[in-house]
């Protein structure tokens, strides 16, 4: 799967709604990185919460395009400690969580991703990204203290 028009695959370290630190500023690279993260998160959300996905897009020629996430999405920057804190808060609040650990980016398929995730220490996950979904107030509390990416 590809996202964004820059030719880079979606699967790269730091994907998710709370990626690790990236160069900040208004550079095109930063904007493209944020777009890739939002794109990947929208696919993860579609799997976890299909009701969050809108209707297909249709252009003036009648060509039908895929569905997009129909809800707001915020992308935050965080180091491992920040990701782990947000993860703990999301667990305590019963939020839907989609974790990305570093070892997942060493594998080549989903079953291997699940295996390396299951083998990790649940109390000290090597998080490189984290998507959380739930009630706004609960998500705000889980992400308190993090800064918006880019």
C-alpha atoms as a PDB file:
ATOM      1  CA  UNK A   1       0.000   0.000   0.000  1.00  0.00           C
ATOM      2  CA  UNK A   2       1.224   3.472  -0.839  1.00  0.00           C
ATOM      3  CA  UNK A   3       0.143   6.792   0.592  1.00  0.00           C
ATOM      4  CA  UNK A   4       1.169  10.264  -0.522  1.00  0.00           C
ATOM      5  CA  UNK A   5       2.662  10.912  -3.907  1.00  0.00           C
ATOM      6  CA  UNK A   6       6.298  10.936  -2.880  1.00  0.00           C
ATOM      7  CA  UNK A   7       6.925   7.273  -3.730  1.00  0.00           C
ATOM      8  CA  UNK A   8       7.736   6.159  -0.212  1.00  0.00           C
ATOM      9  CA  UNK A   9       5.878   3.200   1.291  1.00  0.00           C
ATOM     10  CA  UNK A  10       3.563   3.721   4.241  1.00  0.00           C
ATOM     11  CA  UNK A  11       5.374   1.117   6.333  1.00  0.00           C
ATOM     12  CA  UNK A  12       8.200   3.035   7.912  1.00  0.00           C
ATOM     13  CA  UNK A  13       9.236   3.602  11.521  1.00  0.00           C
ATOM     14  CA  UNK A  14       7.091   6.110  13.331  1.00  0.00           C
ATOM     15  CA  UNK A  15       3.758   5.565  11.617  1.00  0.00           C
ATOM     16  CA  UNK A  16       0.612   6.087  13.587  1.00  0.00           C
ATOM     17  CA  UNK A  17      -1.215   8.976  15.060  1.00  0.00           C
ATOM     18  CA  UNK A  18       1.524   9.732  17.583  1.00  0.00           C
ATOM     19  CA  UNK A  19       4.805   9.411  15.664  1.00  0.00           C
ATOM     20  CA  UNK A  20       8.278   9.827  17.114  1.00  0.00           C
ATOM     21  CA  UNK A  21      10.003  13.208  16.747  1.00  0.00           C
ATOM     22  CA  UNK A  22      10.479  14.338  13.157  1.00  0.00           C
ATOM     23  CA  UNK A  23      12.047  17.487  11.753  1.00  0.00           C
ATOM     24  CA  UNK A  24       9.679  20.329  12.502  1.00  0.00           C
ATOM     25  CA  UNK A  25       8.795  23.316  10.397  1.00  0.00           C
ATOM     26  CA  UNK A  26       6.900  23.935   7.206  1.00  0.00           C
ATOM     27  CA  UNK A  27       9.111  21.810   4.948  1.00  0.00           C
ATOM     28  CA  UNK A  28       7.527  19.653   2.275  1.00  0.00           C
ATOM     29  CA  UNK A  29       9.134  16.557   3.808  1.00  0.00           C
ATOM     30  CA  UNK A  30       7.461  17.229   7.155  1.00  0.00           C
ATOM     31  CA  UNK A  31       4.087  17.715   5.488  1.00  0.00           C
ATOM     32  CA  UNK A  32       4.484  14.512   3.481  1.00  0.00           C
ATOM     33  CA  UNK A  33       5.475  12.582   6.606  1.00  0.00           C
ATOM     34  CA  UNK A  34       2.379  13.830   8.420  1.00  0.00           C
ATOM     35  CA  UNK A  35       0.207  12.909   5.433  1.00  0.00           C
ATOM     36  CA  UNK A  36       1.610   9.360   5.384  1.00  0.00           C
ATOM     37  CA  UNK A  37       0.925   8.987   9.097  1.00  0.00           C
ATOM     38  CA  UNK A  38      -2.648  10.201   8.712  1.00  0.00           C
ATOM     39  CA  UNK A  39      -3.168   7.875   5.762  1.00  0.00           C
ATOM     40  CA  UNK A  40      -1.886   4.836   7.644  1.00  0.00           C
ATOM     41  CA  UNK A  41      -3.899   5.736  10.719  1.00  0.00           C
ATOM     42  CA  UNK A  42      -7.052   6.059   8.624  1.00  0.00           C
ATOM     43  CA  UNK A  43      -6.524   2.491   7.367  1.00  0.00           C
ATOM     44  CA  UNK A  44      -5.965   1.246  10.910  1.00  0.00           C
ATOM     45  CA  UNK A  45      -9.106   3.070  12.044  1.00  0.00           C
ATOM     46  CA  UNK A  46     -11.091   1.548   9.181  1.00  0.00           C
ATOM     47  CA  UNK A  47     -10.205  -1.905  10.457  1.00  0.00           C
ATOM     48  CA  UNK A  48     -10.940  -1.071  14.103  1.00  0.00           C
ATOM     49  CA  UNK A  49     -13.998   1.139  13.576  1.00  0.00           C
ATOM     50  CA  UNK A  50     -15.604   0.773  10.138  1.00  0.00           C
ATOM     51  CA  UNK A  51     -18.369   3.216  11.142  1.00  0.00           C
ATOM     52  CA  UNK A  52     -15.744   5.999  11.101  1.00  0.00           C
ATOM     53  CA  UNK A  53     -15.278   5.663   7.347  1.00  0.00           C
ATOM     54  CA  UNK A  54     -17.377   7.820   5.026  1.00  0.00           C
ATOM     55  CA  UNK A  55     -18.981   7.008   1.711  1.00  0.00           C
ATOM     56  CA  UNK A  56     -16.961   6.465  -1.498  1.00  0.00           C
ATOM     57  CA  UNK A  57     -15.853   9.534  -3.437  1.00  0.00           C
ATOM     58  CA  UNK A  58     -17.119   9.872  -7.025  1.00  0.00           C
ATOM     59  CA  UNK A  59     -15.595  12.308  -9.510  1.00  0.00           C
ATOM     60  CA  UNK A  60     -17.427  14.216 -12.274  1.00  0.00           C
ATOM     61  CA  UNK A  61     -16.650  11.397 -14.745  1.00  0.00           C
ATOM     62  CA  UNK A  62     -18.387   8.871 -12.492  1.00  0.00           C
ATOM     63  CA  UNK A  63     -15.179   7.132 -11.377  1.00  0.00           C
ATOM     64  CA  UNK A  64     -15.588   5.709  -7.890  1.00  0.00           C
ATOM     65  CA  UNK A  65     -12.751   6.171  -5.401  1.00  0.00           C
ATOM     66  CA  UNK A  66     -12.129   4.707  -1.968  1.00  0.00           C
ATOM     67  CA  UNK A  67     -13.671   5.790   1.282  1.00  0.00           C
ATOM     68  CA  UNK A  68     -11.866   8.195   3.589  1.00  0.00           C
ATOM     69  CA  UNK A  69     -11.859   8.654   7.304  1.00  0.00           C
ATOM     70  CA  UNK A  70     -14.770  10.975   8.000  1.00  0.00           C
ATOM     71  CA  UNK A  71     -13.607  12.143  11.418  1.00  0.00           C
ATOM     72  CA  UNK A  72     -10.966  14.630  12.567  1.00  0.00           C
ATOM     73  CA  UNK A  73      -7.471  13.285  13.121  1.00  0.00           C
ATOM     74  CA  UNK A  74      -4.663  14.889  15.073  1.00  0.00           C
ATOM     75  CA  UNK A  75      -1.022  13.818  14.733  1.00  0.00           C
ATOM     76  CA  UNK A  76       1.274  14.340  17.732  1.00  0.00           C
ATOM     77  CA  UNK A  77       5.033  14.073  18.146  1.00  0.00           C
ATOM     78  CA  UNK A  78       6.375  12.086  21.089  1.00  0.00           C
ATOM     79  CA  UNK A  79       9.437  10.219  22.256  1.00  0.00           C
ATOM     80  CA  UNK A  80       9.201   6.646  23.576  1.00  0.00           C
ATOM     81  CA  UNK A  81       8.377   7.834  27.099  1.00  0.00           C
ATOM     82  CA  UNK A  82       5.561  10.023  25.756  1.00  0.00           C
ATOM     83  CA  UNK A  83       4.171   7.166  23.674  1.00  0.00           C
ATOM     84  CA  UNK A  84       4.298   4.818  26.663  1.00  0.00           C
ATOM     85  CA  UNK A  85       2.520   7.371  28.875  1.00  0.00           C
ATOM     86  CA  UNK A  86      -0.205   7.889  26.252  1.00  0.00           C
ATOM     87  CA  UNK A  87      -0.491   4.092  25.906  1.00  0.00           C
ATOM     88  CA  UNK A  88      -0.987   3.671  29.680  1.00  0.00           C
ATOM     89  CA  UNK A  89      -3.582   6.444  29.751  1.00  0.00           C
ATOM     90  CA  UNK A  90      -5.418   4.955  26.754  1.00  0.00           C
ATOM     91  CA  UNK A  91      -5.476   1.528  28.437  1.00  0.00           C
ATOM     92  CA  UNK A  92      -6.852   3.030  31.666  1.00  0.00           C
ATOM     93  CA  UNK A  93      -9.589   4.818  29.726  1.00  0.00           C
ATOM     94  CA  UNK A  94     -10.576   1.791  27.630  1.00  0.00           C
ATOM     95  CA  UNK A  95      -9.731   3.481  24.325  1.00  0.00           C
ATOM     96  CA  UNK A  96      -9.246   1.583  21.087  1.00  0.00           C
ATOM     97  CA  UNK A  97      -5.457   1.312  20.681  1.00  0.00           C
ATOM     98  CA  UNK A  98      -3.382   0.425  17.632  1.00  0.00           C
ATOM     99  CA  UNK A  99       0.268   0.091  18.705  1.00  0.00           C
ATOM    100  CA  UNK A 100       3.313   0.175  16.452  1.00  0.00           C
ATOM    101  CA  UNK A 101       6.485  -1.296  17.970  1.00  0.00           C
ATOM    102  CA  UNK A 102       9.942  -1.034  16.404  1.00  0.00           C
ATOM    103  CA  UNK A 103      10.198  -4.779  15.719  1.00  0.00           C
ATOM    104  CA  UNK A 104       7.188  -4.588  13.374  1.00  0.00           C
ATOM    105  CA  UNK A 105       9.334  -2.727  10.866  1.00  0.00           C
ATOM    106  CA  UNK A 106      11.761  -5.623  10.682  1.00  0.00           C
ATOM    107  CA  UNK A 107       9.081  -8.071   9.483  1.00  0.00           C
ATOM    108  CA  UNK A 108       7.480  -8.550   6.124  1.00  0.00           C
ATOM    109  CA  UNK A 109       3.879  -9.441   6.904  1.00  0.00           C
ATOM    110  CA  UNK A 110       1.027  -9.042   9.356  1.00  0.00           C
ATOM    111  CA  UNK A 111       1.331 -12.437  11.089  1.00  0.00           C
ATOM    112  CA  UNK A 112       4.993 -11.706  11.861  1.00  0.00           C
ATOM    113  CA  UNK A 113       3.995  -8.266  13.170  1.00  0.00           C
ATOM    114  CA  UNK A 114       1.557  -9.881  15.590  1.00  0.00           C
ATOM    115  CA  UNK A 115       4.202 -12.389  16.681  1.00  0.00           C
ATOM    116  CA  UNK A 116       6.833  -9.749  17.486  1.00  0.00           C
ATOM    117  CA  UNK A 117       4.223  -7.627  19.244  1.00  0.00           C
ATOM    118  CA  UNK A 118       3.075 -10.586  21.371  1.00  0.00           C
ATOM    119  CA  UNK A 119       6.703 -11.346  22.303  1.00  0.00           C
ATOM    120  CA  UNK A 120       7.314  -7.814  23.614  1.00  0.00           C
ATOM    121  CA  UNK A 121       7.222  -6.781  27.246  1.00  0.00           C
ATOM    122  CA  UNK A 122       3.674  -5.381  27.716  1.00  0.00           C
ATOM    123  CA  UNK A 123       4.880  -3.142  30.536  1.00  0.00           C
ATOM    124  CA  UNK A 124       7.664  -1.602  28.455  1.00  0.00           C
ATOM    125  CA  UNK A 125       6.653  -1.677  24.788  1.00  0.00           C
ATOM    126  CA  UNK A 126       9.221  -0.316  22.330  1.00  0.00           C
ATOM    127  CA  UNK A 127       6.603   1.991  20.814  1.00  0.00           C
ATOM    128  CA  UNK A 128       7.427   4.003  17.705  1.00  0.00           C
ATOM    129  CA  UNK A 129       3.806   4.946  16.990  1.00  0.00           C
ATOM    130  CA  UNK A 130       0.388   4.704  18.559  1.00  0.00           C
ATOM    131  CA  UNK A 131      -3.118   5.305  17.266  1.00  0.00           C
ATOM    132  CA  UNK A 132      -5.902   5.858  19.778  1.00  0.00           C
ATOM    133  CA  UNK A 133      -9.616   6.273  19.147  1.00  0.00           C
ATOM    134  CA  UNK A 134     -12.445   7.030  21.492  1.00  0.00           C
ATOM    135  CA  UNK A 135     -14.456   9.801  23.064  1.00  0.00           C
ATOM    136  CA  UNK A 136     -12.798  13.189  22.578  1.00  0.00           C
ATOM    137  CA  UNK A 137     -12.457  13.891  26.306  1.00  0.00           C
ATOM    138  CA  UNK A 138     -10.789  10.510  26.961  1.00  0.00           C
ATOM    139  CA  UNK A 139      -8.423  10.865  23.976  1.00  0.00           C
ATOM    140  CA  UNK A 140      -7.540  14.417  25.073  1.00  0.00           C
ATOM    141  CA  UNK A 141      -6.631  13.090  28.522  1.00  0.00           C
ATOM    142  CA  UNK A 142      -4.565  10.231  27.078  1.00  0.00           C
ATOM    143  CA  UNK A 143      -2.592  12.605  24.844  1.00  0.00           C
ATOM    144  CA  UNK A 144      -2.248  15.441  27.392  1.00  0.00           C
ATOM    145  CA  UNK A 145       1.256  16.883  27.366  1.00  0.00           C
ATOM    146  CA  UNK A 146       2.067  15.847  23.786  1.00  0.00           C
ATOM    147  CA  UNK A 147       2.626  18.448  21.083  1.00  0.00           C
ATOM    148  CA  UNK A 148       1.074  18.482  17.646  1.00  0.00           C
ATOM    149  CA  UNK A 149       3.364  17.123  14.929  1.00  0.00           C
ATOM    150  CA  UNK A 150       4.744  19.520  12.331  1.00  0.00           C
END
